[in-house]
Amino acid sequence: MNKNDILRKLSSRKFWALLAALATSVLTASGAGDNTVLHVTGVIGAVGACVAYMLAEGISDAANRVNGDLADSARNSDGDKTEQ
């Protein structure tokens, strides 16, 4: 398993749903209260969403940088005009 495989798995919503389901099952089986289960599941969901967003943006930015599109789009969004 290489770095790209790990990044792809971490950005998968299915992975984070699996992790939340696993935590819910383990906490419920161990006798944790409903509030604890709810809080842990919520934290896992929030962290998963943030990680997936950051990795997707990073991959997108890297692809644009390779294609040379990032520099042009950054200049245009700042209001700078390119000379023609």
Protein backbone atom coordinates (compact mmCIF):
# COMPACT_ATOMS: atom_id res chain seq x y z
CA MET A 1 0.00 0.00 0.00
CA ASN A 2 1.56 3.27 -1.09
CA LYS A 3 0.95 6.87 -0.04
CA ASN A 4 -1.72 7.47 -2.71
CA ASP A 5 -3.70 4.43 -1.56
CA ILE A 6 -3.66 5.68 2.03
CA LEU A 7 -4.72 9.18 1.01
CA ARG A 8 -7.53 7.79 -1.12
CA LYS A 9 -8.81 5.67 1.76
CA LEU A 10 -8.63 8.58 4.23
CA SER A 11 -10.64 10.75 1.84
CA SER A 12 -13.33 8.08 1.45
CA ARG A 13 -16.67 8.79 3.11
CA LYS A 14 -17.20 5.02 3.28
CA PHE A 15 -14.08 4.65 5.43
CA TRP A 16 -15.27 7.29 7.92
CA ALA A 17 -18.77 5.78 8.01
CA LEU A 18 -17.18 2.40 8.75
CA LEU A 19 -15.06 3.91 11.52
CA ALA A 20 -18.12 5.60 13.08
CA ALA A 21 -20.11 2.35 12.88
CA LEU A 22 -17.25 0.40 14.45
CA ALA A 23 -16.91 2.91 17.31
CA THR A 24 -20.66 2.88 17.87
CA SER A 25 -20.72 -0.91 18.02
CA VAL A 26 -17.74 -1.17 20.37
CA LEU A 27 -19.02 1.55 22.70
CA THR A 28 -22.51 0.07 22.80
CA ALA A 29 -21.15 -3.42 23.49
CA SER A 30 -18.96 -2.11 26.29
CA GLY A 31 -21.93 -0.49 28.00
CA ALA A 32 -21.20 3.16 27.27
CA GLY A 33 -24.11 5.55 27.66
CA ASP A 34 -26.11 6.91 24.76
CA ASN A 35 -24.57 10.38 25.13
CA THR A 36 -21.04 9.00 24.95
CA VAL A 37 -21.82 6.98 21.84
CA LEU A 38 -23.46 10.00 20.21
CA HIS A 39 -20.53 12.30 21.01
CA VAL A 40 -17.87 9.88 19.76
CA THR A 41 -19.78 9.19 16.56
CA GLY A 42 -20.25 12.92 15.98
CA VAL A 43 -16.56 13.64 16.45
CA ILE A 44 -15.57 10.86 14.05
CA GLY A 45 -18.01 12.17 11.45
CA ALA A 46 -16.75 15.74 11.79
CA VAL A 47 -13.09 14.78 11.63
CA GLY A 48 -13.77 12.52 8.66
CA ALA A 49 -15.50 15.30 6.76
CA CYS A 50 -12.63 17.70 7.42
CA VAL A 51 -9.96 15.18 6.43
CA ALA A 52 -11.81 14.24 3.24
CA TYR A 53 -12.22 17.91 2.29
CA MET A 54 -8.58 18.77 2.95
CA LEU A 55 -7.26 15.80 1.00
CA ALA A 56 -9.61 16.44 -1.93
CA GLU A 57 -8.55 20.09 -2.08
CA GLY A 58 -4.88 19.15 -1.84
CA ILE A 59 -5.17 16.60 -4.63
CA SER A 60 -7.07 19.11 -6.76
CA ASP A 61 -4.49 21.84 -6.13
CA ALA A 62 -1.63 19.47 -6.93
CA ALA A 63 -3.26 18.44 -10.20
CA ASN A 64 -3.83 22.07 -11.14
CA ARG A 65 -0.26 22.98 -10.26
CA VAL A 66 1.06 20.23 -12.53
CA ASN A 67 -1.12 21.52 -15.37
CA GLY A 68 -0.12 25.12 -14.70
CA ASP A 69 -3.72 26.14 -14.04
CA LEU A 70 -3.27 27.11 -10.38
CA ALA A 71 -1.04 30.11 -11.03
CA ASP A 72 -3.42 31.49 -13.65
CA SER A 73 -6.54 31.00 -11.52
CA ALA A 74 -4.85 32.53 -8.46
CA ARG A 75 -3.87 35.62 -10.43
CA ASN A 76 -7.35 36.01 -11.89
CA SER A 77 -9.06 35.64 -8.52
CA ASP A 78 -6.86 38.40 -7.04
CA GLY A 79 -7.89 40.79 -9.75
CA ASP A 80 -4.50 40.85 -11.46
CA LYS A 81 -4.62 40.85 -15.22
CA THR A 82 -2.17 38.99 -17.33
CA GLU A 83 -0.44 40.85 -20.12
CA GLN A 84 -1.34 39.76 -23.60
